[in-house]
Amino acid sequence: AGKQATKVVGDTPTRERNFIILLANNGYLYK
């Protein structure tokens, strides 16, 4: 949405892949 966000992708110790996307905007954190 025209704003910078952080995307992190990693494998867990149990070999599952997880995606986490974080966007901070105007005092709110969208996840």
PDB file of all heavy atoms in Angstrom:
ATOM      1  N   ALA A   1       0.824  -1.217   0.000  1.00  0.00           N
ATOM      2  CA  ALA A   1       0.000   0.000   0.000  1.00  0.00           C
ATOM      3  C   ALA A   1       0.855   1.262   0.000  1.00  0.00           C
ATOM      4  O   ALA A   1       0.552   2.237   0.672  1.00  0.00           O
ATOM      5  CB  ALA A   1      -0.953  -0.010   1.198  1.00  0.00           C
ATOM      6  N   GLY A   2       1.950   1.217  -0.735  1.00  0.00           N
ATOM      7  CA  GLY A   2       2.827   2.376  -0.848  1.00  0.00           C
ATOM      8  C   GLY A   2       3.703   2.627   0.364  1.00  0.00           C
ATOM      9  O   GLY A   2       4.362   3.649   0.462  1.00  0.00           O
ATOM     10  N   LYS A   3       3.752   1.692   1.288  1.00  0.00           N
ATOM     11  CA  LYS A   3       4.544   1.834   2.510  1.00  0.00           C
ATOM     12  C   LYS A   3       5.550   0.690   2.603  1.00  0.00           C
ATOM     13  O   LYS A   3       5.319  -0.407   2.106  1.00  0.00           O
ATOM     14  CB  LYS A   3       3.633   1.811   3.730  1.00  0.00           C
ATOM     15  CG  LYS A   3       2.461   2.753   3.624  1.00  0.00           C
ATOM     16  CD  LYS A   3       2.336   3.584   4.846  1.00  0.00           C
ATOM     17  CE  LYS A   3       1.157   4.524   4.732  1.00  0.00           C
ATOM     18  NZ  LYS A   3       1.491   5.791   4.189  1.00  0.00           N
ATOM     19  N   GLN A   4       6.666   0.961   3.285  1.00  0.00           N
ATOM     20  CA  GLN A   4       7.698  -0.052   3.437  1.00  0.00           C
ATOM     21  C   GLN A   4       7.323  -1.036   4.548  1.00  0.00           C
ATOM     22  O   GLN A   4       6.950  -0.638   5.640  1.00  0.00           O
ATOM     23  CB  GLN A   4       9.033   0.607   3.770  1.00  0.00           C
ATOM     24  CG  GLN A   4      10.172  -0.385   3.855  1.00  0.00           C
ATOM     25  CD  GLN A   4      11.502   0.291   4.029  1.00  0.00           C
ATOM     26  OE1 GLN A   4      11.860   1.169   3.262  1.00  0.00           O
ATOM     27  NE2 GLN A   4      12.237  -0.085   5.050  1.00  0.00           N
ATOM     28  N   ALA A   5       7.439  -2.314   4.251  1.00  0.00           N
ATOM     29  CA  ALA A   5       7.165  -3.376   5.213  1.00  0.00           C
ATOM     30  C   ALA A   5       8.366  -4.325   5.242  1.00  0.00           C
ATOM     31  O   ALA A   5       9.191  -4.329   4.335  1.00  0.00           O
ATOM     32  CB  ALA A   5       5.912  -4.142   4.813  1.00  0.00           C
ATOM     33  N   THR A   6       8.439  -5.116   6.288  1.00  0.00           N
ATOM     34  CA  THR A   6       9.503  -6.098   6.437  1.00  0.00           C
ATOM     35  C   THR A   6       8.936  -7.489   6.228  1.00  0.00           C
ATOM     36  O   THR A   6       7.926  -7.845   6.820  1.00  0.00           O
ATOM     37  CB  THR A   6      10.121  -6.013   7.852  1.00  0.00           C
ATOM     38  OG1 THR A   6      10.586  -4.687   8.078  1.00  0.00           O
ATOM     39  CG2 THR A   6      11.268  -6.987   8.005  1.00  0.00           C
ATOM     40  N   LYS A   7       9.608  -8.255   5.387  1.00  0.00           N
ATOM     41  CA  LYS A   7       9.208  -9.642   5.130  1.00  0.00           C
ATOM     42  C   LYS A   7      10.344 -10.553   5.586  1.00  0.00           C
ATOM     43  O   LYS A   7      11.492 -10.373   5.184  1.00  0.00           O
ATOM     44  CB  LYS A   7       8.952  -9.848   3.639  1.00  0.00           C
ATOM     45  CG  LYS A   7       8.688 -11.282   3.245  1.00  0.00           C
ATOM     46  CD  LYS A   7       8.516 -11.370   1.732  1.00  0.00           C
ATOM     47  CE  LYS A   7       8.526 -12.772   1.228  1.00  0.00           C
ATOM     48  NZ  LYS A   7       8.483 -12.809  -0.242  1.00  0.00           N
ATOM     49  N   VAL A   8      10.011 -11.495   6.451  1.00  0.00           N
ATOM     50  CA  VAL A   8      10.995 -12.457   6.943  1.00  0.00           C
ATOM     51  C   VAL A   8      10.436 -13.856   6.714  1.00  0.00           C
ATOM     52  O   VAL A   8       9.297 -14.143   7.077  1.00  0.00           O
ATOM     53  CB  VAL A   8      11.278 -12.243   8.455  1.00  0.00           C
ATOM     54  CG1 VAL A   8      12.301 -13.243   8.948  1.00  0.00           C
ATOM     55  CG2 VAL A   8      11.751 -10.827   8.722  1.00  0.00           C
ATOM     56  N   VAL A   9      11.243 -14.696   6.101  1.00  0.00           N
ATOM     57  CA  VAL A   9      10.858 -16.084   5.832  1.00  0.00           C
ATOM     58  C   VAL A   9      11.933 -16.972   6.454  1.00  0.00           C
ATOM     59  O   VAL A   9      13.125 -16.742   6.253  1.00  0.00           O
ATOM     60  CB  VAL A   9      10.769 -16.368   4.321  1.00  0.00           C
ATOM     61  CG1 VAL A   9      10.353 -17.806   4.068  1.00  0.00           C
ATOM     62  CG2 VAL A   9       9.828 -15.391   3.635  1.00  0.00           C
ATOM     63  N   GLY A  10      11.480 -17.964   7.212  1.00  0.00           N
ATOM     64  CA  GLY A  10      12.450 -18.840   7.842  1.00  0.00           C
ATOM     65  C   GLY A  10      11.904 -20.237   8.026  1.00  0.00           C
ATOM     66  O   GLY A  10      10.692 -20.467   7.974  1.00  0.00           O
ATOM     67  N   ASP A  11      12.826 -21.157   8.228  1.00  0.00           N
ATOM     68  CA  ASP A  11      12.461 -22.536   8.517  1.00  0.00           C
ATOM     69  C   ASP A  11      12.564 -22.754  10.021  1.00  0.00           C
ATOM     70  O   ASP A  11      13.541 -22.348  10.656  1.00  0.00           O
ATOM     71  CB  ASP A  11      13.381 -23.509   7.782  1.00  0.00           C
ATOM     72  CG  ASP A  11      13.128 -23.510   6.284  1.00  0.00           C
ATOM     73  OD1 ASP A  11      12.021 -23.142   5.867  1.00  0.00           O
ATOM     74  OD2 ASP A  11      14.042 -23.892   5.532  1.00  0.00           O
ATOM     75  N   THR A  12      11.548 -23.396  10.578  1.00  0.00           N
ATOM     76  CA  THR A  12      11.502 -23.656  12.014  1.00  0.00           C
ATOM     77  C   THR A  12      12.337 -24.894  12.350  1.00  0.00           C
ATOM     78  O   THR A  12      12.726 -25.644  11.450  1.00  0.00           O
ATOM     79  CB  THR A  12      10.053 -23.892  12.479  1.00  0.00           C
ATOM     80  OG1 THR A  12       9.580 -25.118  11.918  1.00  0.00           O
ATOM     81  CG2 THR A  12       9.140 -22.747  12.084  1.00  0.00           C
ATOM     82  N   PRO A  13      12.583 -25.124  13.637  1.00  0.00           N
ATOM     83  CA  PRO A  13      13.312 -26.339  14.023  1.00  0.00           C
ATOM     84  C   PRO A  13      12.593 -27.622  13.589  1.00  0.00           C
ATOM     85  O   PRO A  13      13.229 -28.655  13.421  1.00  0.00           O
ATOM     86  CB  PRO A  13      13.381 -26.236  15.554  1.00  0.00           C
ATOM     87  CG  PRO A  13      13.344 -24.769  15.824  1.00  0.00           C
ATOM     88  CD  PRO A  13      12.413 -24.214  14.777  1.00  0.00           C
ATOM     89  N   THR A  14      11.270 -27.566  13.381  1.00  0.00           N
ATOM     90  CA  THR A  14      10.526 -28.750  12.930  1.00  0.00           C
ATOM     91  C   THR A  14      10.388 -28.802  11.408  1.00  0.00           C
ATOM     92  O   THR A  14       9.547 -29.524  10.884  1.00  0.00           O
ATOM     93  CB  THR A  14       9.130 -28.780  13.576  1.00  0.00           C
ATOM     94  OG1 THR A  14       8.432 -27.591  13.225  1.00  0.00           O
ATOM     95  CG2 THR A  14       9.219 -28.914  15.082  1.00  0.00           C
ATOM     96  N   ARG A  15      11.190 -28.012  10.701  1.00  0.00           N
ATOM     97  CA  ARG A  15      11.272 -27.998   9.235  1.00  0.00           C
ATOM     98  C   ARG A  15      10.039 -27.442   8.543  1.00  0.00           C
ATOM     99  O   ARG A  15       9.721 -27.801   7.413  1.00  0.00           O
ATOM    100  CB  ARG A  15      11.617 -29.383   8.685  1.00  0.00           C
ATOM    101  CG  ARG A  15      12.927 -29.898   9.165  1.00  0.00           C
ATOM    102  CD  ARG A  15      13.214 -31.248   8.545  1.00  0.00           C
ATOM    103  NE  ARG A  15      14.578 -31.628   8.828  1.00  0.00           N
ATOM    104  CZ  ARG A  15      15.557 -31.614   7.936  1.00  0.00           C
ATOM    105  NH1 ARG A  15      15.332 -31.259   6.715  1.00  0.00           N
ATOM    106  NH2 ARG A  15      16.763 -31.984   8.274  1.00  0.00           N
ATOM    107  N   GLU A  16       9.312 -26.588   9.218  1.00  0.00           N
ATOM    108  CA  GLU A  16       8.199 -25.894   8.575  1.00  0.00           C
ATOM    109  C   GLU A  16       8.689 -24.511   8.149  1.00  0.00           C
ATOM    110  O   GLU A  16       9.530 -23.919   8.806  1.00  0.00           O
ATOM    111  CB  GLU A  16       7.034 -25.735   9.555  1.00  0.00           C
ATOM    112  CG  GLU A  16       6.420 -27.039   9.968  1.00  0.00           C
ATOM    113  CD  GLU A  16       5.351 -26.856  11.029  1.00  0.00           C
ATOM    114  OE1 GLU A  16       5.407 -25.867  11.781  1.00  0.00           O
ATOM    115  OE2 GLU A  16       4.465 -27.720  11.102  1.00  0.00           O
ATOM    116  N   ARG A  17       8.140 -24.020   7.074  1.00  0.00           N
ATOM    117  CA  ARG A  17       8.503 -22.685   6.596  1.00  0.00           C
ATOM    118  C   ARG A  17       7.426 -21.691   7.022  1.00  0.00           C
ATOM    119  O   ARG A  17       6.245 -21.922   6.813  1.00  0.00           O
ATOM    120  CB  ARG A  17       8.642 -22.694   5.073  1.00  0.00           C
ATOM    121  CG  ARG A  17       9.058 -21.331   4.551  1.00  0.00           C
ATOM    122  CD  ARG A  17       9.846 -21.409   3.299  1.00  0.00           C
ATOM    123  NE  ARG A  17      11.105 -22.100   3.523  1.00  0.00           N
ATOM    124  CZ  ARG A  17      11.908 -22.462   2.529  1.00  0.00           C
ATOM    125  NH1 ARG A  17      11.593 -22.210   1.294  1.00  0.00           N
ATOM    126  NH2 ARG A  17      13.035 -23.088   2.791  1.00  0.00           N
ATOM    127  N   ASN A  18       7.856 -20.595   7.636  1.00  0.00           N
ATOM    128  CA  ASN A  18       6.948 -19.549   8.106  1.00  0.00           C
ATOM    129  C   ASN A  18       7.288 -18.215   7.470  1.00  0.00           C
ATOM    130  O   ASN A  18       8.458 -17.880   7.299  1.00  0.00           O
ATOM    131  CB  ASN A  18       7.023 -19.406   9.626  1.00  0.00           C
ATOM    132  CG  ASN A  18       6.515 -20.622  10.365  1.00  0.00           C
ATOM    133  OD1 ASN A  18       5.827 -21.457   9.795  1.00  0.00           O
ATOM    134  ND2 ASN A  18       6.851 -20.729  11.624  1.00  0.00           N
ATOM    135  N   PHE A  19       6.242 -17.462   7.136  1.00  0.00           N
ATOM    136  CA  PHE A  19       6.374 -16.119   6.585  1.00  0.00           C
ATOM    137  C   PHE A  19       5.830 -15.145   7.623  1.00  0.00           C
ATOM    138  O   PHE A  19       4.733 -15.352   8.147  1.00  0.00           O
ATOM    139  CB  PHE A  19       5.535 -15.962   5.316  1.00  0.00           C
ATOM    140  CG  PHE A  19       6.062 -16.689   4.119  1.00  0.00           C
ATOM    141  CD1 PHE A  19       6.095 -18.068   4.073  1.00  0.00           C
ATOM    142  CD2 PHE A  19       6.507 -15.981   3.016  1.00  0.00           C
ATOM    143  CE1 PHE A  19       6.555 -18.746   2.967  1.00  0.00           C
ATOM    144  CE2 PHE A  19       6.976 -16.647   1.895  1.00  0.00           C
ATOM    145  CZ  PHE A  19       7.001 -18.031   1.870  1.00  0.00           C
ATOM    146  N   ILE A  20       6.560 -14.071   7.890  1.00  0.00           N
ATOM    147  CA  ILE A  20       6.096 -13.001   8.774  1.00  0.00           C
ATOM    148  C   ILE A  20       6.293 -11.693   8.032  1.00  0.00           C
ATOM    149  O   ILE A  20       7.397 -11.386   7.582  1.00  0.00           O
ATOM    150  CB  ILE A  20       6.871 -12.989  10.100  1.00  0.00           C
ATOM    151  CG1 ILE A  20       6.714 -14.326  10.823  1.00  0.00           C
ATOM    152  CG2 ILE A  20       6.402 -11.837  10.975  1.00  0.00           C
ATOM    153  CD1 ILE A  20       7.595 -14.481  12.055  1.00  0.00           C
ATOM    154  N   ILE A  21       5.224 -10.921   7.905  1.00  0.00           N
ATOM    155  CA  ILE A  21       5.289  -9.614   7.253  1.00  0.00           C
ATOM    156  C   ILE A  21       4.802  -8.578   8.251  1.00  0.00           C
ATOM    157  O   ILE A  21       3.722  -8.731   8.834  1.00  0.00           O
ATOM    158  CB  ILE A  21       4.430  -9.578   5.966  1.00  0.00           C
ATOM    159  CG1 ILE A  21       5.003 -10.541   4.917  1.00  0.00           C
ATOM    160  CG2 ILE A  21       4.438  -8.180   5.369  1.00  0.00           C
ATOM    161  CD1 ILE A  21       4.308 -11.803   4.797  1.00  0.00           C
ATOM    162  N   LEU A  22       5.602  -7.531   8.461  1.00  0.00           N
ATOM    163  CA  LEU A  22       5.275  -6.480   9.419  1.00  0.00           C
ATOM    164  C   LEU A  22       5.274  -5.132   8.723  1.00  0.00           C
ATOM    165  O   LEU A  22       6.175  -4.816   7.950  1.00  0.00           O
ATOM    166  CB  LEU A  22       6.302  -6.450  10.554  1.00  0.00           C
ATOM    167  CG  LEU A  22       6.437  -7.721  11.382  1.00  0.00           C
ATOM    168  CD1 LEU A  22       7.646  -7.622  12.303  1.00  0.00           C
ATOM    169  CD2 LEU A  22       5.180  -7.962  12.187  1.00  0.00           C
ATOM    170  N   LEU A  23       4.274  -4.332   9.038  1.00  0.00           N
ATOM    171  CA  LEU A  23       4.156  -2.984   8.482  1.00  0.00           C
ATOM    172  C   LEU A  23       3.766  -2.046   9.613  1.00  0.00           C
ATOM    173  O   LEU A  23       2.702  -2.194  10.210  1.00  0.00           O
ATOM    174  CB  LEU A  23       3.089  -2.943   7.385  1.00  0.00           C
ATOM    175  CG  LEU A  23       2.749  -1.553   6.853  1.00  0.00           C
ATOM    176  CD1 LEU A  23       3.790  -1.139   5.820  1.00  0.00           C
ATOM    177  CD2 LEU A  23       1.375  -1.529   6.252  1.00  0.00           C
ATOM    178  N   ALA A  24       4.641  -1.114   9.926  1.00  0.00           N
ATOM    179  CA  ALA A  24       4.344  -0.097  10.941  1.00  0.00           C
ATOM    180  C   ALA A  24       3.827   1.145  10.226  1.00  0.00           C
ATOM    181  O   ALA A  24       4.419   1.613   9.258  1.00  0.00           O
ATOM    182  CB  ALA A  24       5.598   0.238  11.739  1.00  0.00           C
ATOM    183  N   ASN A  25       2.689   1.674  10.703  1.00  0.00           N
ATOM    184  CA  ASN A  25       2.116   2.860  10.077  1.00  0.00           C
ATOM    185  C   ASN A  25       1.257   3.619  11.081  1.00  0.00           C
ATOM    186  O   ASN A  25       0.331   3.055  11.657  1.00  0.00           O
ATOM    187  CB  ASN A  25       1.255   2.462   8.864  1.00  0.00           C
ATOM    188  CG  ASN A  25       0.691   3.671   8.157  1.00  0.00           C
ATOM    189  OD1 ASN A  25       1.436   4.528   7.720  1.00  0.00           O
ATOM    190  ND2 ASN A  25      -0.609   3.750   8.060  1.00  0.00           N
ATOM    191  N   ASN A  26       1.600   4.885  11.288  1.00  0.00           N
ATOM    192  CA  ASN A  26       0.770   5.797  12.070  1.00  0.00           C
ATOM    193  C   ASN A  26       0.435   5.236  13.462  1.00  0.00           C
ATOM    194  O   ASN A  26      -0.696   5.328  13.921  1.00  0.00           O
ATOM    195  CB  ASN A  26      -0.509   6.117  11.287  1.00  0.00           C
ATOM    196  CG  ASN A  26      -1.174   7.388  11.783  1.00  0.00           C
ATOM    197  OD1 ASN A  26      -0.510   8.265  12.331  1.00  0.00           O
ATOM    198  ND2 ASN A  26      -2.470   7.485  11.594  1.00  0.00           N
ATOM    199  N   GLY A  27       1.422   4.638  14.119  1.00  0.00           N
ATOM    200  CA  GLY A  27       1.223   4.117  15.458  1.00  0.00           C
ATOM    201  C   GLY A  27       0.631   2.721  15.526  1.00  0.00           C
ATOM    202  O   GLY A  27       0.402   2.196  16.607  1.00  0.00           O
ATOM    203  N   TYR A  28       0.360   2.123  14.396  1.00  0.00           N
ATOM    204  CA  TYR A  28      -0.193   0.770  14.351  1.00  0.00           C
ATOM    205  C   TYR A  28       0.837  -0.177  13.758  1.00  0.00           C
ATOM    206  O   TYR A  28       1.637   0.217  12.917  1.00  0.00           O
ATOM    207  CB  TYR A  28      -1.460   0.710  13.488  1.00  0.00           C
ATOM    208  CG  TYR A  28      -2.611   1.484  14.059  1.00  0.00           C
ATOM    209  CD1 TYR A  28      -2.858   2.791  13.653  1.00  0.00           C
ATOM    210  CD2 TYR A  28      -3.455   0.903  14.997  1.00  0.00           C
ATOM    211  CE1 TYR A  28      -3.922   3.509  14.180  1.00  0.00           C
ATOM    212  CE2 TYR A  28      -4.520   1.614  15.527  1.00  0.00           C
ATOM    213  CZ  TYR A  28      -4.746   2.916  15.114  1.00  0.00           C
ATOM    214  OH  TYR A  28      -5.788   3.615  15.647  1.00  0.00           O
ATOM    215  N   LEU A  29       0.787  -1.432  14.185  1.00  0.00           N
ATOM    216  CA  LEU A  29       1.634  -2.465  13.601  1.00  0.00           C
ATOM    217  C   LEU A  29       0.729  -3.502  12.967  1.00  0.00           C
ATOM    218  O   LEU A  29      -0.057  -4.160  13.648  1.00  0.00           O
ATOM    219  CB  LEU A  29       2.523  -3.127  14.658  1.00  0.00           C
ATOM    220  CG  LEU A  29       3.437  -4.232  14.135  1.00  0.00           C
ATOM    221  CD1 LEU A  29       4.451  -3.667  13.134  1.00  0.00           C
ATOM    222  CD2 LEU A  29       4.157  -4.918  15.285  1.00  0.00           C
ATOM    223  N   TYR A  30       0.822  -3.624  11.663  1.00  0.00           N
ATOM    224  CA  TYR A  30       0.062  -4.626  10.917  1.00  0.00           C
ATOM    225  C   TYR A  30       0.955  -5.841  10.750  1.00  0.00           C
ATOM    226  O   TYR A  30       2.126  -5.721  10.428  1.00  0.00           O
ATOM    227  CB  TYR A  30      -0.350  -4.089   9.549  1.00  0.00           C
ATOM    228  CG  TYR A  30      -1.215  -2.859   9.624  1.00  0.00           C
ATOM    229  CD1 TYR A  30      -0.652  -1.585   9.625  1.00  0.00           C
ATOM    230  CD2 TYR A  30      -2.594  -2.975   9.708  1.00  0.00           C
ATOM    231  CE1 TYR A  30      -1.450  -0.460   9.700  1.00  0.00           C
ATOM    232  CE2 TYR A  30      -3.399  -1.844   9.778  1.00  0.00           C
ATOM    233  CZ  TYR A  30      -2.820  -0.593   9.776  1.00  0.00           C
ATOM    234  OH  TYR A  30      -3.608   0.518   9.858  1.00  0.00           O
ATOM    235  N   LYS A  31       0.394  -7.033  10.962  1.00  0.00           N
ATOM    236  CA  LYS A  31       1.177  -8.255  10.877  1.00  0.00           C
ATOM    237  C   LYS A  31       0.395  -9.302  10.097  1.00  0.00           C
ATOM    238  O   LYS A  31      -0.776  -9.550  10.376  1.00  0.00           O
ATOM    239  CB  LYS A  31       1.484  -8.783  12.276  1.00  0.00           C
ATOM    240  CG  LYS A  31       2.262 -10.081  12.296  1.00  0.00           C
ATOM    241  CD  LYS A  31       2.482 -10.548  13.725  1.00  0.00           C
ATOM    242  CE  LYS A  31       3.157 -11.897  13.747  1.00  0.00           C
ATOM    243  NZ  LYS A  31       3.253 -12.432  15.102  1.00  0.00           N
TER     244      LYS A  31
END
